[in-house]
Amino acid sequence: MIEIDDKIVSADLLRECFACDLSQCRGICCVEGNAGAPLEAEELGELEAEYEHYKPCMTSEGIEAIERQGFAVLDEEGDLTTPLVRDAECAYACREEGITLCAIEKAWREGRTPFRKPVSCHLYPIRLVKFSNGAVGLNYHRWEVCASARTCGRRLGLPVYKSLREPIVRRFGEEFYKALEAAEAYLKSQN
């Protein structure tokens, strides 16, 4: 673990390799699982306000799930998460050429909404943990459905944090990303 300001970072983010490979996984991370993606409280307003912009990209099942369950649900631990279709697929999913994608991000790419997608989805496979003292932990979540991403990341020599530069900067800022680069350089110098 590495401490950077009020963040506790798993060294795996600097050592392990990862690069999404949609041609192999087909977006299965949006389909598999036992709970929706974590949501931050401030994202609820954006999800609701932008609904009409990304709704046309959603599946009919996803639209029905949102209209029945709402824009977010509480999981077993009481945390906000995205609603699911049939207890599996994210309600915000869409399909394009046999690949499951985020309907919100599709609308964002088409210029229909300024909201890209929930930050937890953008950061994946980094999972955030909030501590009682206000610190935030950044952990590397290993999931079998992402085996192709680990293979692709190793082939490219791309550490987890480097493949996630954009969402890390979105959530924590450029200075934090630069601190991760410095931490990686330090770890390499110690080996």
N, C-alpha and C. Protein backbone atom coordinates (compact mmCIF):
# COMPACT_ATOMS: atom_id res chain seq x y z
N MET A 1 0.85 -1.18 0.00
CA MET A 1 0.00 0.00 0.00
C MET A 1 0.89 1.24 0.00
N ILE A 2 0.42 2.24 -0.70
CA ILE A 2 1.15 3.50 -0.81
C ILE A 2 0.19 4.61 -0.40
N GLU A 3 0.65 5.52 0.43
CA GLU A 3 -0.20 6.63 0.86
C GLU A 3 0.16 7.87 0.06
N ILE A 4 -0.84 8.46 -0.58
CA ILE A 4 -0.67 9.71 -1.32
C ILE A 4 -1.76 10.65 -0.83
N ASP A 5 -1.36 11.67 -0.10
CA ASP A 5 -2.32 12.58 0.53
C ASP A 5 -3.29 11.77 1.39
N ASP A 6 -4.58 11.88 1.13
CA ASP A 6 -5.57 11.14 1.92
C ASP A 6 -6.06 9.90 1.18
N LYS A 7 -5.19 9.34 0.34
CA LYS A 7 -5.54 8.16 -0.44
C LYS A 7 -4.56 7.04 -0.15
N ILE A 8 -5.12 5.85 0.03
CA ILE A 8 -4.33 4.65 0.25
C ILE A 8 -4.43 3.82 -1.03
N VAL A 9 -3.31 3.66 -1.71
CA VAL A 9 -3.29 3.04 -3.04
C VAL A 9 -2.64 1.66 -2.96
N SER A 10 -3.33 0.68 -3.49
CA SER A 10 -2.75 -0.66 -3.59
C SER A 10 -1.61 -0.60 -4.60
N ALA A 11 -0.45 -1.14 -4.22
CA ALA A 11 0.69 -1.17 -5.13
C ALA A 11 0.39 -1.98 -6.39
N ASP A 12 -0.63 -2.84 -6.32
CA ASP A 12 -1.02 -3.61 -7.51
C ASP A 12 -1.42 -2.71 -8.67
N LEU A 13 -1.93 -1.52 -8.39
CA LEU A 13 -2.31 -0.60 -9.46
C LEU A 13 -1.09 -0.16 -10.27
N LEU A 14 0.08 -0.23 -9.64
CA LEU A 14 1.32 0.18 -10.29
C LEU A 14 2.09 -1.00 -10.87
N ARG A 15 1.87 -2.18 -10.30
CA ARG A 15 2.63 -3.37 -10.70
C ARG A 15 1.90 -4.27 -11.69
N GLU A 16 0.61 -4.43 -11.52
CA GLU A 16 -0.19 -5.33 -12.37
C GLU A 16 -0.56 -4.64 -13.67
N CYS A 17 -0.74 -5.42 -14.72
CA CYS A 17 -1.09 -4.87 -16.03
C CYS A 17 -2.56 -5.13 -16.36
N PHE A 18 -3.14 -4.19 -17.12
CA PHE A 18 -4.55 -4.27 -17.46
C PHE A 18 -4.84 -3.34 -18.62
N ALA A 19 -5.59 -3.82 -19.60
CA ALA A 19 -6.07 -2.98 -20.70
C ALA A 19 -7.31 -3.66 -21.26
N CYS A 20 -8.45 -3.01 -21.13
CA CYS A 20 -9.70 -3.59 -21.61
C CYS A 20 -9.54 -4.07 -23.05
N ASP A 21 -10.12 -5.23 -23.31
CA ASP A 21 -10.05 -5.83 -24.64
C ASP A 21 -11.47 -6.27 -25.02
N LEU A 22 -12.29 -5.29 -25.42
CA LEU A 22 -13.70 -5.55 -25.72
C LEU A 22 -13.91 -6.60 -26.80
N SER A 23 -12.94 -6.73 -27.70
CA SER A 23 -13.08 -7.73 -28.75
C SER A 23 -13.08 -9.14 -28.17
N GLN A 24 -12.49 -9.31 -26.99
CA GLN A 24 -12.45 -10.61 -26.34
C GLN A 24 -13.54 -10.79 -25.29
N CYS A 25 -13.71 -9.79 -24.42
CA CYS A 25 -14.65 -9.95 -23.30
C CYS A 25 -16.08 -9.59 -23.68
N ARG A 26 -16.26 -8.80 -24.73
CA ARG A 26 -17.58 -8.40 -25.24
C ARG A 26 -18.38 -7.57 -24.23
N GLY A 27 -17.68 -6.94 -23.25
CA GLY A 27 -18.36 -6.09 -22.27
C GLY A 27 -19.09 -6.87 -21.19
N ILE A 28 -18.60 -8.05 -20.89
CA ILE A 28 -19.27 -8.93 -19.92
C ILE A 28 -19.34 -8.32 -18.53
N CYS A 29 -18.46 -7.38 -18.20
CA CYS A 29 -18.49 -6.75 -16.87
C CYS A 29 -19.78 -5.98 -16.64
N CYS A 30 -20.47 -5.59 -17.70
CA CYS A 30 -21.75 -4.89 -17.58
C CYS A 30 -22.92 -5.87 -17.48
N VAL A 31 -22.63 -7.16 -17.62
CA VAL A 31 -23.67 -8.18 -17.64
C VAL A 31 -23.58 -9.09 -16.42
N GLU A 32 -22.38 -9.47 -16.03
CA GLU A 32 -22.18 -10.41 -14.92
C GLU A 32 -22.13 -9.67 -13.59
N GLY A 33 -22.30 -10.42 -12.54
CA GLY A 33 -22.14 -9.87 -11.20
C GLY A 33 -23.37 -10.08 -10.35
N ASN A 34 -23.23 -9.76 -9.07
CA ASN A 34 -24.33 -9.97 -8.14
C ASN A 34 -24.87 -8.65 -7.60
N ALA A 35 -24.36 -7.54 -8.09
CA ALA A 35 -24.84 -6.22 -7.69
C ALA A 35 -24.51 -5.23 -8.80
N GLY A 36 -25.20 -4.11 -8.80
CA GLY A 36 -24.91 -3.07 -9.78
C GLY A 36 -23.60 -2.37 -9.47
N ALA A 37 -23.22 -1.47 -10.35
CA ALA A 37 -22.00 -0.69 -10.16
C ALA A 37 -22.22 0.35 -9.06
N PRO A 38 -21.21 0.56 -8.22
CA PRO A 38 -21.34 1.58 -7.17
C PRO A 38 -21.59 2.97 -7.77
N LEU A 39 -22.42 3.74 -7.08
CA LEU A 39 -22.72 5.12 -7.49
C LEU A 39 -22.37 6.07 -6.37
N GLU A 40 -21.91 7.26 -6.73
CA GLU A 40 -21.69 8.31 -5.76
C GLU A 40 -22.98 9.11 -5.65
N ALA A 41 -23.29 9.59 -4.46
CA ALA A 41 -24.57 10.27 -4.20
C ALA A 41 -24.81 11.41 -5.19
N GLU A 42 -23.75 12.16 -5.52
CA GLU A 42 -23.92 13.30 -6.43
C GLU A 42 -24.22 12.87 -7.87
N GLU A 43 -24.01 11.60 -8.20
CA GLU A 43 -24.31 11.13 -9.54
C GLU A 43 -25.81 10.91 -9.76
N LEU A 44 -26.56 10.75 -8.69
CA LEU A 44 -28.00 10.51 -8.83
C LEU A 44 -28.70 11.63 -9.58
N GLY A 45 -28.38 12.87 -9.24
CA GLY A 45 -28.99 14.01 -9.92
C GLY A 45 -28.65 14.02 -11.40
N GLU A 46 -27.40 13.68 -11.73
CA GLU A 46 -27.00 13.64 -13.14
C GLU A 46 -27.71 12.52 -13.89
N LEU A 47 -27.82 11.35 -13.26
CA LEU A 47 -28.51 10.23 -13.90
C LEU A 47 -29.95 10.61 -14.24
N GLU A 48 -30.62 11.27 -13.28
CA GLU A 48 -32.00 11.64 -13.50
C GLU A 48 -32.13 12.78 -14.51
N ALA A 49 -31.30 13.80 -14.37
CA ALA A 49 -31.38 14.98 -15.25
C ALA A 49 -31.06 14.63 -16.70
N GLU A 50 -30.19 13.68 -16.92
CA GLU A 50 -29.74 13.34 -18.27
C GLU A 50 -30.47 12.14 -18.87
N TYR A 51 -31.43 11.59 -18.16
CA TYR A 51 -32.11 10.36 -18.57
C TYR A 51 -32.65 10.42 -20.01
N GLU A 52 -33.34 11.48 -20.35
CA GLU A 52 -33.93 11.58 -21.69
C GLU A 52 -32.87 11.59 -22.78
N HIS A 53 -31.62 11.96 -22.43
CA HIS A 53 -30.54 12.01 -23.42
C HIS A 53 -29.93 10.64 -23.68
N TYR A 54 -29.86 9.78 -22.64
CA TYR A 54 -29.27 8.46 -22.85
C TYR A 54 -30.31 7.34 -22.96
N LYS A 55 -31.54 7.61 -22.59
CA LYS A 55 -32.61 6.61 -22.66
C LYS A 55 -32.74 5.98 -24.04
N PRO A 56 -32.65 6.75 -25.15
CA PRO A 56 -32.77 6.12 -26.48
C PRO A 56 -31.70 5.07 -26.77
N CYS A 57 -30.60 5.10 -26.03
CA CYS A 57 -29.52 4.12 -26.25
C CYS A 57 -29.73 2.84 -25.44
N MET A 58 -30.63 2.88 -24.46
CA MET A 58 -30.83 1.76 -23.56
C MET A 58 -31.68 0.66 -24.18
N THR A 59 -31.58 -0.54 -23.60
CA THR A 59 -32.46 -1.63 -24.01
C THR A 59 -33.84 -1.40 -23.40
N SER A 60 -34.85 -2.03 -23.97
CA SER A 60 -36.20 -1.91 -23.41
C SER A 60 -36.26 -2.49 -22.00
N GLU A 61 -35.49 -3.56 -21.75
CA GLU A 61 -35.44 -4.15 -20.41
C GLU A 61 -34.80 -3.19 -19.41
N GLY A 62 -33.77 -2.49 -19.86
CA GLY A 62 -33.11 -1.51 -18.99
C GLY A 62 -34.03 -0.36 -18.64
N ILE A 63 -34.76 0.13 -19.63
CA ILE A 63 -35.72 1.22 -19.40
C ILE A 63 -36.77 0.77 -18.40
N GLU A 64 -37.27 -0.43 -18.56
CA GLU A 64 -38.28 -0.95 -17.64
C GLU A 64 -37.71 -1.07 -16.23
N ALA A 65 -36.46 -1.51 -16.11
CA ALA A 65 -35.82 -1.64 -14.79
C ALA A 65 -35.68 -0.28 -14.11
N ILE A 66 -35.29 0.75 -14.87
CA ILE A 66 -35.16 2.10 -14.31
C ILE A 66 -36.53 2.61 -13.87
N GLU A 67 -37.53 2.43 -14.71
CA GLU A 67 -38.87 2.93 -14.38
C GLU A 67 -39.48 2.19 -13.20
N ARG A 68 -39.09 0.93 -12.98
CA ARG A 68 -39.61 0.15 -11.87
C ARG A 68 -38.79 0.35 -10.59
N GLN A 69 -37.44 0.38 -10.73
CA GLN A 69 -36.56 0.41 -9.57
C GLN A 69 -36.03 1.80 -9.22
N GLY A 70 -36.06 2.70 -10.19
CA GLY A 70 -35.46 4.02 -9.99
C GLY A 70 -34.07 4.07 -10.58
N PHE A 71 -33.43 5.22 -10.46
CA PHE A 71 -32.12 5.44 -11.06
C PHE A 71 -31.00 4.76 -10.29
N ALA A 72 -31.26 4.38 -9.04
CA ALA A 72 -30.28 3.70 -8.19
C ALA A 72 -31.03 2.84 -7.20
N VAL A 73 -30.34 1.82 -6.70
CA VAL A 73 -30.89 0.95 -5.66
C VAL A 73 -29.84 0.82 -4.56
N LEU A 74 -30.27 0.39 -3.40
CA LEU A 74 -29.34 0.11 -2.31
C LEU A 74 -28.97 -1.36 -2.35
N ASP A 75 -27.68 -1.66 -2.26
CA ASP A 75 -27.26 -3.06 -2.23
C ASP A 75 -27.35 -3.61 -0.81
N GLU A 76 -26.88 -4.82 -0.60
CA GLU A 76 -26.98 -5.47 0.71
C GLU A 76 -26.26 -4.72 1.82
N GLU A 77 -25.22 -3.95 1.46
CA GLU A 77 -24.48 -3.17 2.45
C GLU A 77 -25.05 -1.77 2.64
N GLY A 78 -26.09 -1.44 1.89
CA GLY A 78 -26.70 -0.12 1.99
C GLY A 78 -26.04 0.92 1.11
N ASP A 79 -25.24 0.48 0.14
CA ASP A 79 -24.57 1.41 -0.78
C ASP A 79 -25.40 1.58 -2.05
N LEU A 80 -25.34 2.79 -2.62
CA LEU A 80 -26.03 3.07 -3.88
C LEU A 80 -25.36 2.33 -5.03
N THR A 81 -26.17 1.67 -5.85
CA THR A 81 -25.65 0.98 -7.03
C THR A 81 -26.62 1.16 -8.19
N THR A 82 -26.15 0.83 -9.38
CA THR A 82 -27.03 0.87 -10.55
C THR A 82 -28.04 -0.26 -10.45
N PRO A 83 -29.26 -0.04 -10.93
CA PRO A 83 -30.26 -1.11 -10.96
C PRO A 83 -29.84 -2.19 -11.96
N LEU A 84 -30.37 -3.38 -11.78
CA LEU A 84 -30.05 -4.50 -12.66
C LEU A 84 -31.28 -5.01 -13.39
N VAL A 85 -31.04 -5.63 -14.52
CA VAL A 85 -32.07 -6.36 -15.26
C VAL A 85 -31.86 -7.83 -14.92
N ARG A 86 -32.90 -8.50 -14.45
CA ARG A 86 -32.84 -9.92 -14.08
C ARG A 86 -31.67 -10.24 -13.15
N ASP A 87 -31.41 -9.36 -12.20
CA ASP A 87 -30.34 -9.57 -11.20
C ASP A 87 -28.97 -9.82 -11.83
N ALA A 88 -28.72 -9.30 -13.01
CA ALA A 88 -27.42 -9.53 -13.66
C ALA A 88 -26.95 -8.31 -14.43
N GLU A 89 -27.59 -8.01 -15.55
CA GLU A 89 -27.12 -6.94 -16.44
C GLU A 89 -27.45 -5.56 -15.89
N CYS A 90 -26.52 -4.63 -16.03
CA CYS A 90 -26.77 -3.25 -15.62
C CYS A 90 -27.91 -2.67 -16.45
N ALA A 91 -28.81 -1.99 -15.78
CA ALA A 91 -29.95 -1.38 -16.48
C ALA A 91 -29.50 -0.34 -17.50
N TYR A 92 -28.32 0.24 -17.31
CA TYR A 92 -27.82 1.28 -18.21
C TYR A 92 -27.03 0.70 -19.39
N ALA A 93 -27.09 -0.60 -19.59
CA ALA A 93 -26.34 -1.25 -20.67
C ALA A 93 -27.03 -1.07 -22.02
N CYS A 94 -26.25 -1.19 -23.06
CA CYS A 94 -26.77 -1.24 -24.43
C CYS A 94 -25.89 -2.20 -25.21
N ARG A 95 -26.31 -2.55 -26.40
CA ARG A 95 -25.52 -3.46 -27.23
C ARG A 95 -25.23 -2.82 -28.57
N GLU A 96 -24.01 -3.07 -29.01
CA GLU A 96 -23.58 -2.56 -30.31
C GLU A 96 -22.67 -3.61 -30.94
N GLU A 97 -23.08 -4.16 -32.04
CA GLU A 97 -22.29 -5.17 -32.75
C GLU A 97 -21.88 -6.33 -31.84
N GLY A 98 -22.82 -6.77 -31.01
CA GLY A 98 -22.57 -7.92 -30.14
C GLY A 98 -21.77 -7.63 -28.89
N ILE A 99 -21.47 -6.36 -28.64
CA ILE A 99 -20.71 -5.97 -27.45
C ILE A 99 -21.63 -5.17 -26.54
N THR A 100 -21.57 -5.47 -25.24
CA THR A 100 -22.36 -4.73 -24.27
C THR A 100 -21.55 -3.51 -23.84
N LEU A 101 -22.18 -2.36 -23.94
CA LEU A 101 -21.56 -1.08 -23.59
C LEU A 101 -22.46 -0.32 -22.64
N CYS A 102 -22.00 0.84 -22.21
CA CYS A 102 -22.79 1.72 -21.36
C CYS A 102 -23.60 2.67 -22.25
N ALA A 103 -24.92 2.67 -22.07
CA ALA A 103 -25.79 3.55 -22.85
C ALA A 103 -25.50 5.02 -22.54
N ILE A 104 -25.14 5.30 -21.30
CA ILE A 104 -24.82 6.68 -20.92
C ILE A 104 -23.58 7.14 -21.68
N GLU A 105 -22.55 6.29 -21.69
CA GLU A 105 -21.32 6.66 -22.40
C GLU A 105 -21.55 6.76 -23.90
N LYS A 106 -22.41 5.91 -24.44
CA LYS A 106 -22.73 6.00 -25.87
C LYS A 106 -23.34 7.36 -26.18
N ALA A 107 -24.29 7.81 -25.35
CA ALA A 107 -24.90 9.13 -25.54
C ALA A 107 -23.86 10.23 -25.38
N TRP A 108 -22.94 10.06 -24.43
CA TRP A 108 -21.86 11.03 -24.22
C TRP A 108 -20.97 11.12 -25.47
N ARG A 109 -20.60 9.97 -26.02
CA ARG A 109 -19.76 9.95 -27.22
C ARG A 109 -20.46 10.61 -28.40
N GLU A 110 -21.77 10.51 -28.44
CA GLU A 110 -22.55 11.12 -29.51
C GLU A 110 -22.86 12.59 -29.24
N GLY A 111 -22.37 13.13 -28.13
CA GLY A 111 -22.56 14.54 -27.80
C GLY A 111 -23.94 14.88 -27.26
N ARG A 112 -24.67 13.89 -26.78
CA ARG A 112 -26.03 14.12 -26.27
C ARG A 112 -26.09 14.47 -24.79
N THR A 113 -25.03 14.18 -24.05
CA THR A 113 -25.02 14.44 -22.61
C THR A 113 -23.60 14.78 -22.16
N PRO A 114 -23.46 15.67 -21.16
CA PRO A 114 -22.14 15.97 -20.63
C PRO A 114 -21.69 14.94 -19.59
N PHE A 115 -22.61 14.08 -19.14
CA PHE A 115 -22.30 13.05 -18.14
C PHE A 115 -21.78 11.81 -18.84
N ARG A 116 -20.55 11.42 -18.56
CA ARG A 116 -19.94 10.31 -19.30
C ARG A 116 -20.48 8.96 -18.87
N LYS A 117 -20.44 8.67 -17.62
CA LYS A 117 -20.96 7.45 -17.00
C LYS A 117 -20.57 7.49 -15.54
N PRO A 118 -21.13 6.61 -14.70
CA PRO A 118 -20.73 6.61 -13.29
C PRO A 118 -19.21 6.43 -13.17
N VAL A 119 -18.62 7.17 -12.26
CA VAL A 119 -17.16 7.15 -12.13
C VAL A 119 -16.66 5.77 -11.74
N SER A 120 -17.43 4.99 -10.99
CA SER A 120 -16.96 3.65 -10.62
C SER A 120 -16.81 2.77 -11.86
N CYS A 121 -17.67 2.94 -12.84
CA CYS A 121 -17.56 2.18 -14.09
C CYS A 121 -16.35 2.65 -14.88
N HIS A 122 -16.14 3.94 -14.91
CA HIS A 122 -15.03 4.53 -15.65
C HIS A 122 -13.70 4.08 -15.04
N LEU A 123 -13.66 3.95 -13.70
CA LEU A 123 -12.44 3.57 -13.01
C LEU A 123 -12.16 2.06 -13.00
N TYR A 124 -13.14 1.24 -13.35
CA TYR A 124 -12.97 -0.20 -13.21
C TYR A 124 -11.76 -0.70 -13.99
N PRO A 125 -10.89 -1.53 -13.40
CA PRO A 125 -11.02 -2.40 -12.25
C PRO A 125 -10.56 -1.81 -10.92
N ILE A 126 -10.43 -0.50 -10.85
CA ILE A 126 -10.15 0.12 -9.55
C ILE A 126 -11.48 0.24 -8.82
N ARG A 127 -11.48 -0.21 -7.58
CA ARG A 127 -12.64 -0.06 -6.70
C ARG A 127 -12.22 0.84 -5.54
N LEU A 128 -13.09 1.78 -5.23
CA LEU A 128 -12.82 2.73 -4.15
C LEU A 128 -13.43 2.24 -2.85
N VAL A 129 -12.70 2.47 -1.76
CA VAL A 129 -13.17 2.16 -0.42
C VAL A 129 -13.06 3.45 0.38
N LYS A 130 -14.15 3.84 1.03
CA LYS A 130 -14.12 5.06 1.84
C LYS A 130 -13.96 4.65 3.30
N PHE A 131 -12.93 5.23 3.95
CA PHE A 131 -12.65 4.93 5.35
C PHE A 131 -13.33 5.96 6.25
N SER A 132 -13.53 5.59 7.49
CA SER A 132 -14.24 6.47 8.44
C SER A 132 -13.49 7.77 8.70
N ASN A 133 -12.17 7.78 8.50
CA ASN A 133 -11.39 9.00 8.72
C ASN A 133 -11.38 9.93 7.52
N GLY A 134 -12.15 9.58 6.47
CA GLY A 134 -12.22 10.41 5.28
C GLY A 134 -11.26 10.00 4.17
N ALA A 135 -10.33 9.11 4.48
CA ALA A 135 -9.39 8.63 3.46
C ALA A 135 -10.13 7.74 2.47
N VAL A 136 -9.55 7.63 1.28
CA VAL A 136 -10.11 6.79 0.23
C VAL A 136 -9.06 5.76 -0.16
N GLY A 137 -9.48 4.50 -0.23
CA GLY A 137 -8.59 3.44 -0.68
C GLY A 137 -8.86 3.13 -2.14
N LEU A 138 -7.81 2.89 -2.89
CA LEU A 138 -7.93 2.49 -4.29
C LEU A 138 -7.39 1.07 -4.40
N ASN A 139 -8.27 0.12 -4.67
CA ASN A 139 -7.90 -1.28 -4.76
C ASN A 139 -8.08 -1.79 -6.17
N TYR A 140 -7.27 -2.78 -6.51
CA TYR A 140 -7.37 -3.44 -7.81
C TYR A 140 -8.30 -4.64 -7.64
N HIS A 141 -9.42 -4.64 -8.34
CA HIS A 141 -10.39 -5.73 -8.27
C HIS A 141 -10.09 -6.73 -9.38
N ARG A 142 -9.75 -7.93 -8.99
CA ARG A 142 -9.48 -8.99 -9.97
C ARG A 142 -10.76 -9.80 -10.16
N TRP A 143 -11.18 -9.92 -11.40
CA TRP A 143 -12.40 -10.64 -11.73
C TRP A 143 -12.09 -11.53 -12.93
N GLU A 144 -12.49 -12.76 -12.87
CA GLU A 144 -12.16 -13.72 -13.93
C GLU A 144 -12.63 -13.25 -15.31
N VAL A 145 -13.75 -12.53 -15.37
CA VAL A 145 -14.25 -12.08 -16.68
C VAL A 145 -13.29 -11.09 -17.35
N CYS A 146 -12.33 -10.58 -16.60
CA CYS A 146 -11.35 -9.62 -17.14
C CYS A 146 -10.00 -10.27 -17.46
N ALA A 147 -9.97 -11.60 -17.58
CA ALA A 147 -8.70 -12.28 -17.90
C ALA A 147 -8.09 -11.75 -19.18
N SER A 148 -8.91 -11.48 -20.19
CA SER A 148 -8.37 -10.98 -21.47
C SER A 148 -7.76 -9.59 -21.30
N ALA A 149 -8.29 -8.80 -20.38
CA ALA A 149 -7.73 -7.46 -20.13
C ALA A 149 -6.36 -7.57 -19.46
N ARG A 150 -6.20 -8.55 -18.60
CA ARG A 150 -4.88 -8.75 -17.97
C ARG A 150 -3.87 -9.21 -19.02
N THR A 151 -4.30 -10.10 -19.90
CA THR A 151 -3.42 -10.58 -20.97
C THR A 151 -3.04 -9.42 -21.89
N CYS A 152 -4.02 -8.64 -22.29
CA CYS A 152 -3.77 -7.49 -23.18
C CYS A 152 -2.85 -6.48 -22.49
N GLY A 153 -3.10 -6.21 -21.22
CA GLY A 153 -2.26 -5.27 -20.47
C GLY A 153 -0.82 -5.72 -20.38
N ARG A 154 -0.61 -7.04 -20.14
CA ARG A 154 0.76 -7.57 -20.09
C ARG A 154 1.42 -7.44 -21.46
N ARG A 155 0.67 -7.75 -22.51
CA ARG A 155 1.21 -7.65 -23.88
C ARG A 155 1.66 -6.21 -24.18
N LEU A 156 0.86 -5.24 -23.70
CA LEU A 156 1.18 -3.83 -23.93
C LEU A 156 2.13 -3.24 -22.89
N GLY A 157 2.36 -3.98 -21.80
CA GLY A 157 3.19 -3.47 -20.71
C GLY A 157 2.54 -2.28 -20.03
N LEU A 158 1.22 -2.32 -19.86
CA LEU A 158 0.44 -1.19 -19.38
C LEU A 158 -0.08 -1.44 -17.96
N PRO A 159 0.50 -0.78 -16.96
CA PRO A 159 0.00 -0.94 -15.60
C PRO A 159 -1.46 -0.47 -15.49
N VAL A 160 -2.17 -1.02 -14.52
CA VAL A 160 -3.58 -0.69 -14.31
C VAL A 160 -3.79 0.82 -14.32
N TYR A 161 -3.02 1.55 -13.51
CA TYR A 161 -3.26 2.99 -13.38
C TYR A 161 -3.04 3.73 -14.70
N LYS A 162 -2.10 3.28 -15.52
CA LYS A 162 -1.85 3.97 -16.79
C LYS A 162 -2.99 3.74 -17.77
N SER A 163 -3.59 2.56 -17.73
CA SER A 163 -4.71 2.31 -18.64
C SER A 163 -5.96 3.09 -18.21
N LEU A 164 -5.93 3.61 -16.98
CA LEU A 164 -7.07 4.34 -16.43
C LEU A 164 -6.74 5.81 -16.15
N ARG A 165 -5.82 6.35 -16.90
CA ARG A 165 -5.41 7.74 -16.68
C ARG A 165 -6.60 8.70 -16.68
N GLU A 166 -7.42 8.63 -17.71
CA GLU A 166 -8.54 9.57 -17.84
C GLU A 166 -9.50 9.52 -16.66
N PRO A 167 -9.99 8.34 -16.25
CA PRO A 167 -10.89 8.34 -15.10
C PRO A 167 -10.20 8.71 -13.78
N ILE A 168 -8.93 8.37 -13.63
CA ILE A 168 -8.22 8.76 -12.41
C ILE A 168 -8.14 10.27 -12.33
N VAL A 169 -7.78 10.92 -13.43
CA VAL A 169 -7.72 12.39 -13.45
C VAL A 169 -9.12 12.97 -13.24
N ARG A 170 -10.12 12.37 -13.85
CA ARG A 170 -11.51 12.83 -13.66
C ARG A 170 -11.89 12.84 -12.19
N ARG A 171 -11.55 11.79 -11.48
CA ARG A 171 -11.99 11.63 -10.08
C ARG A 171 -11.06 12.32 -9.09
N PHE A 172 -9.73 12.25 -9.34
CA PHE A 172 -8.78 12.70 -8.33
C PHE A 172 -7.88 13.85 -8.76
N GLY A 173 -7.84 14.18 -10.05
CA GLY A 173 -7.03 15.29 -10.52
C GLY A 173 -5.68 14.89 -11.08
N GLU A 174 -5.11 15.80 -11.84
CA GLU A 174 -3.83 15.57 -12.53
C GLU A 174 -2.67 15.38 -11.55
N GLU A 175 -2.65 16.13 -10.47
CA GLU A 175 -1.55 16.01 -9.50
C GLU A 175 -1.50 14.63 -8.87
N PHE A 176 -2.65 14.06 -8.59
CA PHE A 176 -2.68 12.71 -8.03
C PHE A 176 -2.13 11.71 -9.04
N TYR A 177 -2.50 11.87 -10.31
CA TYR A 177 -1.98 10.97 -11.33
C TYR A 177 -0.46 11.08 -11.41
N LYS A 178 0.06 12.28 -11.35
CA LYS A 178 1.52 12.48 -11.38
C LYS A 178 2.18 11.82 -10.17
N ALA A 179 1.50 11.84 -9.03
CA ALA A 179 2.02 11.18 -7.84
C ALA A 179 2.07 9.66 -8.04
N LEU A 180 1.09 9.11 -8.75
CA LEU A 180 1.11 7.68 -9.07
C LEU A 180 2.30 7.35 -9.97
N GLU A 181 2.57 8.21 -10.94
CA GLU A 181 3.73 8.00 -11.82
C GLU A 181 5.02 8.01 -11.01
N ALA A 182 5.12 8.94 -10.07
CA ALA A 182 6.31 9.02 -9.22
C ALA A 182 6.42 7.78 -8.33
N ALA A 183 5.30 7.31 -7.83
CA ALA A 183 5.31 6.11 -6.99
C ALA A 183 5.75 4.89 -7.80
N GLU A 184 5.29 4.79 -9.04
CA GLU A 184 5.71 3.68 -9.89
C GLU A 184 7.21 3.74 -10.14
N ALA A 185 7.73 4.91 -10.43
CA ALA A 185 9.16 5.07 -10.68
C ALA A 185 9.97 4.68 -9.43
N TYR A 186 9.46 5.07 -8.26
CA TYR A 186 10.14 4.72 -7.01
C TYR A 186 10.15 3.21 -6.82
N LEU A 187 8.99 2.56 -7.03
CA LEU A 187 8.93 1.09 -6.86
C LEU A 187 9.88 0.38 -7.82
N LYS A 188 9.95 0.86 -9.06
CA LYS A 188 10.86 0.25 -10.02
C LYS A 188 12.31 0.42 -9.59
N SER A 189 12.64 1.57 -9.00
CA SER A 189 14.01 1.81 -8.56
C SER A 189 14.41 0.93 -7.38
N GLN A 190 13.43 0.42 -6.65
CA GLN A 190 13.69 -0.42 -5.50
C GLN A 190 13.87 -1.90 -5.86
N ASN A 191 13.50 -2.25 -7.09
CA ASN A 191 13.60 -3.67 -7.51
C ASN A 191 14.91 -3.99 -8.15
